[in-house]
Amino acid sequence: MSRELTTDEVRAEFLKHVQAIIRNWETVKLAENSVRARLEGLAFSLLVLLDGGSVGLPAFIVAPCPHPADREFHQEEGTNWWPENDWEAAKANISGGLHEDF
């Protein structure tokens, strides 16, 4: 019986794909085989992943989630502040620990 993936399953699939992207850019042959070209390729592939261009994975929501005191601080400083978002609004939000799980 099919079901919705859990947050842990979504996180695992996302990180598995990140590992695959790394393996690809580790071995890809480029005409310009510079470190910068490989890093740009890696960055581009990660953005494609987030945008929903990777086979078998959907797009991912990416939005700022500033510290609660951010708006007040910026108002006092006379500078612009980041839009506020709710961590709990999205189902299966995998952000907030990806670097640790990686």
PDB file of N, CA and C in Angstrom:
ATOM      1  N   MET A   1       0.841  -1.183   0.000  1.00  0.00           N
ATOM      2  CA  MET A   1       0.000   0.000   0.000  1.00  0.00           C
ATOM      3  C   MET A   1       0.888   1.248   0.000  1.00  0.00           C
ATOM      4  N   SER A   2       0.630   2.173  -0.871  1.00  0.00           N
ATOM      5  CA  SER A   2       1.449   3.382  -0.946  1.00  0.00           C
ATOM      6  C   SER A   2       1.069   4.353   0.161  1.00  0.00           C
ATOM      7  N   ARG A   3       2.008   5.227   0.501  1.00  0.00           N
ATOM      8  CA  ARG A   3       1.805   6.203   1.582  1.00  0.00           C
ATOM      9  C   ARG A   3       2.714   7.397   1.365  1.00  0.00           C
ATOM     10  N   GLU A   4       2.484   8.438   2.109  1.00  0.00           N
ATOM     11  CA  GLU A   4       3.335   9.620   2.070  1.00  0.00           C
ATOM     12  C   GLU A   4       4.666   9.310   2.749  1.00  0.00           C
ATOM     13  N   LEU A   5       5.747   9.784   2.153  1.00  0.00           N
ATOM     14  CA  LEU A   5       7.059   9.605   2.761  1.00  0.00           C
ATOM     15  C   LEU A   5       7.140  10.360   4.089  1.00  0.00           C
ATOM     16  N   THR A   6       7.887   9.815   5.023  1.00  0.00           N
ATOM     17  CA  THR A   6       8.107  10.503   6.293  1.00  0.00           C
ATOM     18  C   THR A   6       9.184  11.566   6.104  1.00  0.00           C
ATOM     19  N   THR A   7       9.305  12.470   7.055  1.00  0.00           N
ATOM     20  CA  THR A   7      10.350  13.489   7.007  1.00  0.00           C
ATOM     21  C   THR A   7      11.729  12.839   6.962  1.00  0.00           C
ATOM     22  N   ASP A   8      11.937  11.806   7.752  1.00  0.00           N
ATOM     23  CA  ASP A   8      13.230  11.108   7.746  1.00  0.00           C
ATOM     24  C   ASP A   8      13.520  10.478   6.391  1.00  0.00           C
ATOM     25  N   GLU A   9      12.515   9.927   5.741  1.00  0.00           N
ATOM     26  CA  GLU A   9      12.702   9.336   4.415  1.00  0.00           C
ATOM     27  C   GLU A   9      13.018  10.407   3.373  1.00  0.00           C
ATOM     28  N   VAL A  10      12.347  11.545   3.460  1.00  0.00           N
ATOM     29  CA  VAL A  10      12.612  12.647   2.530  1.00  0.00           C
ATOM     30  C   VAL A  10      14.046  13.126   2.716  1.00  0.00           C
ATOM     31  N   ARG A  11      14.455  13.308   3.961  1.00  0.00           N
ATOM     32  CA  ARG A  11      15.817  13.738   4.269  1.00  0.00           C
ATOM     33  C   ARG A  11      16.834  12.741   3.711  1.00  0.00           C
ATOM     34  N   ALA A  12      16.596  11.464   3.919  1.00  0.00           N
ATOM     35  CA  ALA A  12      17.518  10.426   3.444  1.00  0.00           C
ATOM     36  C   ALA A  12      17.628  10.431   1.919  1.00  0.00           C
ATOM     37  N   GLU A  13      16.512  10.565   1.207  1.00  0.00           N
ATOM     38  CA  GLU A  13      16.539  10.601  -0.257  1.00  0.00           C
ATOM     39  C   GLU A  13      17.267  11.842  -0.762  1.00  0.00           C
ATOM     40  N   PHE A  14      17.024  12.969  -0.110  1.00  0.00           N
ATOM     41  CA  PHE A  14      17.684  14.217  -0.489  1.00  0.00           C
ATOM     42  C   PHE A  14      19.197  14.074  -0.342  1.00  0.00           C
ATOM     43  N   LEU A  15      19.645  13.599   0.826  1.00  0.00           N
ATOM     44  CA  LEU A  15      21.074  13.459   1.076  1.00  0.00           C
ATOM     45  C   LEU A  15      21.714  12.397   0.191  1.00  0.00           C
ATOM     46  N   LYS A  16      20.970  11.343  -0.124  1.00  0.00           N
ATOM     47  CA  LYS A  16      21.474  10.324  -1.040  1.00  0.00           C
ATOM     48  C   LYS A  16      21.729  10.949  -2.411  1.00  0.00           C
ATOM     49  N   HIS A  17      20.836  11.824  -2.832  1.00  0.00           N
ATOM     50  CA  HIS A  17      21.016  12.490  -4.127  1.00  0.00           C
ATOM     51  C   HIS A  17      22.207  13.450  -4.084  1.00  0.00           C
ATOM     52  N   VAL A  18      22.393  14.150  -2.966  1.00  0.00           N
ATOM     53  CA  VAL A  18      23.546  15.036  -2.827  1.00  0.00           C
ATOM     54  C   VAL A  18      24.838  14.222  -2.964  1.00  0.00           C
ATOM     55  N   GLN A  19      24.884  13.062  -2.342  1.00  0.00           N
ATOM     56  CA  GLN A  19      26.061  12.197  -2.453  1.00  0.00           C
ATOM     57  C   GLN A  19      26.290  11.784  -3.913  1.00  0.00           C
ATOM     58  N   ALA A  20      25.220  11.484  -4.629  1.00  0.00           N
ATOM     59  CA  ALA A  20      25.340  11.114  -6.045  1.00  0.00           C
ATOM     60  C   ALA A  20      25.881  12.275  -6.874  1.00  0.00           C
ATOM     61  N   ILE A  21      25.439  13.478  -6.575  1.00  0.00           N
ATOM     62  CA  ILE A  21      25.936  14.666  -7.276  1.00  0.00           C
ATOM     63  C   ILE A  21      27.435  14.816  -7.028  1.00  0.00           C
ATOM     64  N   ILE A  22      27.856  14.624  -5.804  1.00  0.00           N
ATOM     65  CA  ILE A  22      29.283  14.726  -5.475  1.00  0.00           C
ATOM     66  C   ILE A  22      30.091  13.690  -6.248  1.00  0.00           C
ATOM     67  N   ARG A  23      29.612  12.435  -6.255  1.00  0.00           N
ATOM     68  CA  ARG A  23      30.311  11.384  -6.999  1.00  0.00           C
ATOM     69  C   ARG A  23      30.422  11.742  -8.482  1.00  0.00           C
ATOM     70  N   ASN A  24      29.358  12.300  -9.045  1.00  0.00           N
ATOM     71  CA  ASN A  24      29.377  12.697 -10.442  1.00  0.00           C
ATOM     72  C   ASN A  24      30.447  13.748 -10.699  1.00  0.00           C
ATOM     73  N   TRP A  25      30.473  14.812  -9.891  1.00  0.00           N
ATOM     74  CA  TRP A  25      31.417  15.896 -10.135  1.00  0.00           C
ATOM     75  C   TRP A  25      32.840  15.526  -9.736  1.00  0.00           C
ATOM     76  N   GLU A  26      32.984  14.458  -8.994  1.00  0.00           N
ATOM     77  CA  GLU A  26      34.311  13.961  -8.654  1.00  0.00           C
ATOM     78  C   GLU A  26      34.961  13.282  -9.860  1.00  0.00           C
ATOM     79  N   THR A  27      34.120  12.692 -10.719  1.00  0.00           N
ATOM     80  CA  THR A  27      34.654  11.887 -11.823  1.00  0.00           C
ATOM     81  C   THR A  27      34.407  12.461 -13.211  1.00  0.00           C
ATOM     82  N   VAL A  28      33.587  13.496 -13.330  1.00  0.00           N
ATOM     83  CA  VAL A  28      33.245  14.034 -14.641  1.00  0.00           C
ATOM     84  C   VAL A  28      34.492  14.583 -15.341  1.00  0.00           C
ATOM     85  N   LYS A  29      34.553  14.376 -16.638  1.00  0.00           N
ATOM     86  CA  LYS A  29      35.661  14.881 -17.454  1.00  0.00           C
ATOM     87  C   LYS A  29      35.215  16.173 -18.141  1.00  0.00           C
ATOM     88  N   LEU A  30      35.927  17.241 -17.911  1.00  0.00           N
ATOM     89  CA  LEU A  30      35.609  18.540 -18.494  1.00  0.00           C
ATOM     90  C   LEU A  30      36.746  18.989 -19.400  1.00  0.00           C
ATOM     91  N   ALA A  31      36.399  19.750 -20.428  1.00  0.00           N
ATOM     92  CA  ALA A  31      37.433  20.340 -21.285  1.00  0.00           C
ATOM     93  C   ALA A  31      38.319  21.248 -20.430  1.00  0.00           C
ATOM     94  N   GLU A  32      37.656  22.045 -19.576  1.00  0.00           N
ATOM     95  CA  GLU A  32      38.375  22.896 -18.623  1.00  0.00           C
ATOM     96  C   GLU A  32      38.287  22.182 -17.279  1.00  0.00           C
ATOM     97  N   ASN A  33      39.280  21.425 -16.928  1.00  0.00           N
ATOM     98  CA  ASN A  33      39.230  20.581 -15.739  1.00  0.00           C
ATOM     99  C   ASN A  33      39.758  21.315 -14.506  1.00  0.00           C
ATOM    100  N   SER A  34      39.301  22.553 -14.299  1.00  0.00           N
ATOM    101  CA  SER A  34      39.762  23.333 -13.158  1.00  0.00           C
ATOM    102  C   SER A  34      38.896  23.035 -11.935  1.00  0.00           C
ATOM    103  N   VAL A  35      39.436  23.331 -10.782  1.00  0.00           N
ATOM    104  CA  VAL A  35      38.684  23.173  -9.533  1.00  0.00           C
ATOM    105  C   VAL A  35      37.444  24.066  -9.580  1.00  0.00           C
ATOM    106  N   ARG A  36      37.608  25.284 -10.063  1.00  0.00           N
ATOM    107  CA  ARG A  36      36.467  26.206 -10.134  1.00  0.00           C
ATOM    108  C   ARG A  36      35.349  25.655 -11.011  1.00  0.00           C
ATOM    109  N   ALA A  37      35.692  25.085 -12.153  1.00  0.00           N
ATOM    110  CA  ALA A  37      34.676  24.531 -13.056  1.00  0.00           C
ATOM    111  C   ALA A  37      33.915  23.398 -12.370  1.00  0.00           C
ATOM    112  N   ARG A  38      34.619  22.560 -11.640  1.00  0.00           N
ATOM    113  CA  ARG A  38      33.965  21.467 -10.918  1.00  0.00           C
ATOM    114  C   ARG A  38      33.067  22.006  -9.795  1.00  0.00           C
ATOM    115  N   LEU A  39      33.560  22.999  -9.064  1.00  0.00           N
ATOM    116  CA  LEU A  39      32.756  23.575  -7.984  1.00  0.00           C
ATOM    117  C   LEU A  39      31.509  24.273  -8.532  1.00  0.00           C
ATOM    118  N   GLU A  40      31.658  24.965  -9.663  1.00  0.00           N
ATOM    119  CA  GLU A  40      30.492  25.589 -10.292  1.00  0.00           C
ATOM    120  C   GLU A  40      29.499  24.529 -10.754  1.00  0.00           C
ATOM    121  N   GLY A  41      29.997  23.428 -11.283  1.00  0.00           N
ATOM    122  CA  GLY A  41      29.123  22.328 -11.685  1.00  0.00           C
ATOM    123  C   GLY A  41      28.394  21.727 -10.499  1.00  0.00           C
ATOM    124  N   LEU A  42      29.102  21.541  -9.403  1.00  0.00           N
ATOM    125  CA  LEU A  42      28.486  21.019  -8.187  1.00  0.00           C
ATOM    126  C   LEU A  42      27.401  21.971  -7.685  1.00  0.00           C
ATOM    127  N   ALA A  43      27.726  23.260  -7.617  1.00  0.00           N
ATOM    128  CA  ALA A  43      26.748  24.244  -7.155  1.00  0.00           C
ATOM    129  C   ALA A  43      25.518  24.260  -8.065  1.00  0.00           C
ATOM    130  N   PHE A  44      25.741  24.247  -9.368  1.00  0.00           N
ATOM    131  CA  PHE A  44      24.635  24.245 -10.320  1.00  0.00           C
ATOM    132  C   PHE A  44      23.751  23.008 -10.115  1.00  0.00           C
ATOM    133  N   SER A  45      24.374  21.848  -9.943  1.00  0.00           N
ATOM    134  CA  SER A  45      23.611  20.613  -9.733  1.00  0.00           C
ATOM    135  C   SER A  45      22.785  20.672  -8.455  1.00  0.00           C
ATOM    136  N   LEU A  46      23.333  21.272  -7.404  1.00  0.00           N
ATOM    137  CA  LEU A  46      22.580  21.409  -6.154  1.00  0.00           C
ATOM    138  C   LEU A  46      21.378  22.343  -6.340  1.00  0.00           C
ATOM    139  N   LEU A  47      21.567  23.400  -7.111  1.00  0.00           N
ATOM    140  CA  LEU A  47      20.452  24.316  -7.386  1.00  0.00           C
ATOM    141  C   LEU A  47      19.388  23.637  -8.240  1.00  0.00           C
ATOM    142  N   VAL A  48      19.800  22.820  -9.200  1.00  0.00           N
ATOM    143  CA  VAL A  48      18.846  22.047 -10.004  1.00  0.00           C
ATOM    144  C   VAL A  48      18.047  21.116  -9.096  1.00  0.00           C
ATOM    145  N   LEU A  49      18.726  20.483  -8.142  1.00  0.00           N
ATOM    146  CA  LEU A  49      18.042  19.613  -7.178  1.00  0.00           C
ATOM    147  C   LEU A  49      16.965  20.385  -6.429  1.00  0.00           C
ATOM    148  N   LEU A  50      17.307  21.557  -5.911  1.00  0.00           N
ATOM    149  CA  LEU A  50      16.336  22.358  -5.170  1.00  0.00           C
ATOM    150  C   LEU A  50      15.194  22.838  -6.057  1.00  0.00           C
ATOM    151  N   ASP A  51      15.499  23.135  -7.319  1.00  0.00           N
ATOM    152  CA  ASP A  51      14.494  23.643  -8.259  1.00  0.00           C
ATOM    153  C   ASP A  51      13.557  22.566  -8.805  1.00  0.00           C
ATOM    154  N   GLY A  52      13.870  21.304  -8.552  1.00  0.00           N
ATOM    155  CA  GLY A  52      12.987  20.228  -9.008  1.00  0.00           C
ATOM    156  C   GLY A  52      13.365  19.644 -10.349  1.00  0.00           C
ATOM    157  N   GLY A  53      14.597  19.864 -10.788  1.00  0.00           N
ATOM    158  CA  GLY A  53      15.025  19.360 -12.074  1.00  0.00           C
ATOM    159  C   GLY A  53      15.734  18.019 -12.017  1.00  0.00           C
ATOM    160  N   SER A  54      15.768  17.387 -10.861  1.00  0.00           N
ATOM    161  CA  SER A  54      16.426  16.086 -10.715  1.00  0.00           C
ATOM    162  C   SER A  54      15.399  14.969 -10.854  1.00  0.00           C
ATOM    163  N   VAL A  55      15.770  13.939 -11.591  1.00  0.00           N
ATOM    164  CA  VAL A  55      14.868  12.809 -11.821  1.00  0.00           C
ATOM    165  C   VAL A  55      14.539  12.129 -10.488  1.00  0.00           C
ATOM    166  N   GLY A  56      13.259  11.933 -10.244  1.00  0.00           N
ATOM    167  CA  GLY A  56      12.814  11.192  -9.070  1.00  0.00           C
ATOM    168  C   GLY A  56      12.660  12.005  -7.810  1.00  0.00           C
ATOM    169  N   LEU A  57      12.993  13.290  -7.856  1.00  0.00           N
ATOM    170  CA  LEU A  57      12.846  14.153  -6.679  1.00  0.00           C
ATOM    171  C   LEU A  57      12.044  15.392  -7.061  1.00  0.00           C
ATOM    172  N   PRO A  58      11.217  15.877  -6.133  1.00  0.00           N
ATOM    173  CA  PRO A  58      10.439  17.095  -6.421  1.00  0.00           C
ATOM    174  C   PRO A  58      11.279  18.343  -6.157  1.00  0.00           C
ATOM    175  N   ALA A  59      10.710  19.485  -6.455  1.00  0.00           N
ATOM    176  CA  ALA A  59      11.324  20.751  -6.057  1.00  0.00           C
ATOM    177  C   ALA A  59      11.228  20.859  -4.534  1.00  0.00           C
ATOM    178  N   PHE A  60      12.124  21.630  -3.956  1.00  0.00           N
ATOM    179  CA  PHE A  60      12.104  21.845  -2.509  1.00  0.00           C
ATOM    180  C   PHE A  60      11.862  23.312  -2.230  1.00  0.00           C
ATOM    181  N   ILE A  61      11.101  23.586  -1.194  1.00  0.00           N
ATOM    182  CA  ILE A  61      10.818  24.957  -0.789  1.00  0.00           C
ATOM    183  C   ILE A  61      12.043  25.514  -0.076  1.00  0.00           C
ATOM    184  N   VAL A  62      12.514  26.662  -0.535  1.00  0.00           N
ATOM    185  CA  VAL A  62      13.642  27.328   0.100  1.00  0.00           C
ATOM    186  C   VAL A  62      13.187  28.742   0.434  1.00  0.00           C
ATOM    187  N   ALA A  63      13.143  29.067   1.718  1.00  0.00           N
ATOM    188  CA  ALA A  63      12.668  30.379   2.146  1.00  0.00           C
ATOM    189  C   ALA A  63      13.434  30.815   3.388  1.00  0.00           C
ATOM    190  N   PRO A  64      13.619  32.117   3.562  1.00  0.00           N
ATOM    191  CA  PRO A  64      14.333  32.578   4.751  1.00  0.00           C
ATOM    192  C   PRO A  64      13.510  32.320   6.014  1.00  0.00           C
ATOM    193  N   CYS A  65      14.222  32.041   7.074  1.00  0.00           N
ATOM    194  CA  CYS A  65      13.582  31.854   8.384  1.00  0.00           C
ATOM    195  C   CYS A  65      14.486  32.522   9.424  1.00  0.00           C
ATOM    196  N   PRO A  66      14.410  33.860   9.489  1.00  0.00           N
ATOM    197  CA  PRO A  66      15.327  34.611  10.348  1.00  0.00           C
ATOM    198  C   PRO A  66      15.040  34.417  11.836  1.00  0.00           C
ATOM    199  N   HIS A  67      16.007  34.786  12.623  1.00  0.00           N
ATOM    200  CA  HIS A  67      15.861  34.765  14.087  1.00  0.00           C
ATOM    201  C   HIS A  67      14.686  35.666  14.470  1.00  0.00           C
ATOM    202  N   PRO A  68      13.940  35.324  15.514  1.00  0.00           N
ATOM    203  CA  PRO A  68      12.778  36.142  15.911  1.00  0.00           C
ATOM    204  C   PRO A  68      13.109  37.615  16.177  1.00  0.00           C
ATOM    205  N   ALA A  69      14.329  37.915  16.586  1.00  0.00           N
ATOM    206  CA  ALA A  69      14.698  39.299  16.889  1.00  0.00           C
ATOM    207  C   ALA A  69      15.202  40.056  15.659  1.00  0.00           C
ATOM    208  N   ASP A  70      15.291  39.396  14.520  1.00  0.00           N
ATOM    209  CA  ASP A  70      15.858  39.996  13.308  1.00  0.00           C
ATOM    210  C   ASP A  70      15.114  41.253  12.873  1.00  0.00           C
ATOM    211  N   ARG A  71      13.799  41.168  12.802  1.00  0.00           N
ATOM    212  CA  ARG A  71      13.016  42.306  12.308  1.00  0.00           C
ATOM    213  C   ARG A  71      13.201  43.542  13.185  1.00  0.00           C
ATOM    214  N   GLU A  72      13.082  43.355  14.494  1.00  0.00           N
ATOM    215  CA  GLU A  72      13.229  44.485  15.421  1.00  0.00           C
ATOM    216  C   GLU A  72      14.627  45.099  15.317  1.00  0.00           C
ATOM    217  N   PHE A  73      15.642  44.254  15.243  1.00  0.00           N
ATOM    218  CA  PHE A  73      17.019  44.740  15.112  1.00  0.00           C
ATOM    219  C   PHE A  73      17.159  45.602  13.856  1.00  0.00           C
ATOM    220  N   HIS A  74      16.690  45.106  12.737  1.00  0.00           N
ATOM    221  CA  HIS A  74      16.839  45.853  11.484  1.00  0.00           C
ATOM    222  C   HIS A  74      16.009  47.136  11.488  1.00  0.00           C
ATOM    223  N   GLN A  75      14.842  47.103  12.115  1.00  0.00           N
ATOM    224  CA  GLN A  75      14.045  48.329  12.215  1.00  0.00           C
ATOM    225  C   GLN A  75      14.803  49.385  13.016  1.00  0.00           C
ATOM    226  N   GLU A  76      15.422  48.954  14.116  1.00  0.00           N
ATOM    227  CA  GLU A  76      16.200  49.889  14.936  1.00  0.00           C
ATOM    228  C   GLU A  76      17.407  50.432  14.179  1.00  0.00           C
ATOM    229  N   GLU A  77      17.994  49.609  13.332  1.00  0.00           N
ATOM    230  CA  GLU A  77      19.163  50.013  12.548  1.00  0.00           C
ATOM    231  C   GLU A  77      18.778  50.798  11.288  1.00  0.00           C
ATOM    232  N   GLY A  78      17.502  50.798  10.947  1.00  0.00           N
ATOM    233  CA  GLY A  78      17.052  51.476   9.739  1.00  0.00           C
ATOM    234  C   GLY A  78      17.386  50.706   8.468  1.00  0.00           C
ATOM    235  N   THR A  79      17.525  49.387   8.608  1.00  0.00           N
ATOM    236  CA  THR A  79      17.843  48.541   7.454  1.00  0.00           C
ATOM    237  C   THR A  79      16.686  47.586   7.176  1.00  0.00           C
ATOM    238  N   ASN A  80      16.707  47.014   6.004  1.00  0.00           N
ATOM    239  CA  ASN A  80      15.653  46.080   5.615  1.00  0.00           C
ATOM    240  C   ASN A  80      15.840  44.737   6.323  1.00  0.00           C
ATOM    241  N   TRP A  81      14.746  44.035   6.551  1.00  0.00           N
ATOM    242  CA  TRP A  81      14.804  42.735   7.218  1.00  0.00           C
ATOM    243  C   TRP A  81      14.266  41.645   6.311  1.00  0.00           C
ATOM    244  N   TRP A  82      14.623  40.416   6.679  1.00  0.00           N
ATOM    245  CA  TRP A  82      14.201  39.239   5.910  1.00  0.00           C
ATOM    246  C   TRP A  82      12.739  38.919   6.176  1.00  0.00           C
ATOM    247  N   PRO A  83      12.024  38.406   5.177  1.00  0.00           N
ATOM    248  CA  PRO A  83      10.649  37.962   5.406  1.00  0.00           C
ATOM    249  C   PRO A  83      10.639  36.813   6.420  1.00  0.00           C
ATOM    250  N   GLU A  84       9.603  36.786   7.237  1.00  0.00           N
ATOM    251  CA  GLU A  84       9.475  35.730   8.242  1.00  0.00           C
ATOM    252  C   GLU A  84       8.652  34.581   7.682  1.00  0.00           C
ATOM    253  N   ASN A  85       9.056  33.375   8.017  1.00  0.00           N
ATOM    254  CA  ASN A  85       8.341  32.169   7.623  1.00  0.00           C
ATOM    255  C   ASN A  85       8.216  31.261   8.833  1.00  0.00           C
ATOM    256  N   ASP A  86       7.307  30.334   8.753  1.00  0.00           N
ATOM    257  CA  ASP A  86       7.052  29.414   9.855  1.00  0.00           C
ATOM    258  C   ASP A  86       7.671  28.059   9.537  1.00  0.00           C
ATOM    259  N   TRP A  87       8.577  27.590  10.398  1.00  0.00           N
ATOM    260  CA  TRP A  87       9.239  26.293  10.215  1.00  0.00           C
ATOM    261  C   TRP A  87       8.233  25.166  10.088  1.00  0.00           C
ATOM    262  N   GLU A  88       7.122  25.270  10.775  1.00  0.00           N
ATOM    263  CA  GLU A  88       6.143  24.181  10.836  1.00  0.00           C
ATOM    264  C   GLU A  88       5.136  24.211   9.688  1.00  0.00           C
ATOM    265  N   ALA A  89       5.137  25.266   8.871  1.00  0.00           N
ATOM    266  CA  ALA A  89       4.129  25.395   7.825  1.00  0.00           C
ATOM    267  C   ALA A  89       4.284  24.349   6.726  1.00  0.00           C
ATOM    268  N   ALA A  90       5.508  23.971   6.418  1.00  0.00           N
ATOM    269  CA  ALA A  90       5.753  23.007   5.344  1.00  0.00           C
ATOM    270  C   ALA A  90       5.791  21.593   5.908  1.00  0.00           C
ATOM    271  N   LYS A  91       5.184  20.658   5.199  1.00  0.00           N
ATOM    272  CA  LYS A  91       5.255  19.254   5.590  1.00  0.00           C
ATOM    273  C   LYS A  91       6.611  18.702   5.183  1.00  0.00           C
ATOM    274  N   ALA A  92       7.198  17.861   6.015  1.00  0.00           N
ATOM    275  CA  ALA A  92       8.479  17.201   5.740  1.00  0.00           C
ATOM    276  C   ALA A  92       9.609  18.203   5.523  1.00  0.00           C
ATOM    277  N   ASN A  93       9.646  19.237   6.348  1.00  0.00           N
ATOM    278  CA  ASN A  93      10.722  20.224   6.279  1.00  0.00           C
ATOM    279  C   ASN A  93      12.018  19.556   6.729  1.00  0.00           C
ATOM    280  N   ILE A  94      12.978  19.436   5.830  1.00  0.00           N
ATOM    281  CA  ILE A  94      14.219  18.730   6.148  1.00  0.00           C
ATOM    282  C   ILE A  94      15.358  19.672   6.513  1.00  0.00           C
ATOM    283  N   SER A  95      15.106  20.971   6.514  1.00  0.00           N
ATOM    284  CA  SER A  95      16.171  21.919   6.804  1.00  0.00           C
ATOM    285  C   SER A  95      16.487  21.961   8.296  1.00  0.00           C
ATOM    286  N   GLY A  96      17.615  22.553   8.600  1.00  0.00           N
ATOM    287  CA  GLY A  96      17.982  22.749   9.990  1.00  0.00           C
ATOM    288  C   GLY A  96      18.965  21.735  10.537  1.00  0.00           C
ATOM    289  N   GLY A  97      19.353  20.757   9.763  1.00  0.00           N
ATOM    290  CA  GLY A  97      20.337  19.796  10.239  1.00  0.00           C
ATOM    291  C   GLY A  97      20.987  19.032   9.114  1.00  0.00           C
ATOM    292  N   LEU A  98      20.786  19.492   7.886  1.00  0.00           N
ATOM    293  CA  LEU A  98      21.328  18.763   6.740  1.00  0.00           C
ATOM    294  C   LEU A  98      22.847  18.644   6.801  1.00  0.00           C
ATOM    295  N   HIS A  99      23.513  19.711   7.219  1.00  0.00           N
ATOM    296  CA  HIS A  99      24.983  19.655   7.267  1.00  0.00           C
ATOM    297  C   HIS A  99      25.467  18.643   8.290  1.00  0.00           C
ATOM    298  N   GLU A 100      24.724  18.466   9.348  1.00  0.00           N
ATOM    299  CA  GLU A 100      25.098  17.488  10.367  1.00  0.00           C
ATOM    300  C   GLU A 100      24.826  16.068   9.879  1.00  0.00           C
ATOM    301  N   ASP A 101      23.707  15.867   9.211  1.00  0.00           N
ATOM    302  CA  ASP A 101      23.372  14.541   8.691  1.00  0.00           C
ATOM    303  C   ASP A 101      24.254  14.154   7.512  1.00  0.00           C
ATOM    304  N   PHE A 102      24.736  15.158   6.775  1.00  0.00           N
ATOM    305  CA  PHE A 102      25.588  14.902   5.626  1.00  0.00           C
ATOM    306  C   PHE A 102      26.865  14.191   6.054  1.00  0.00           C
TER     307      PHE A 102
END
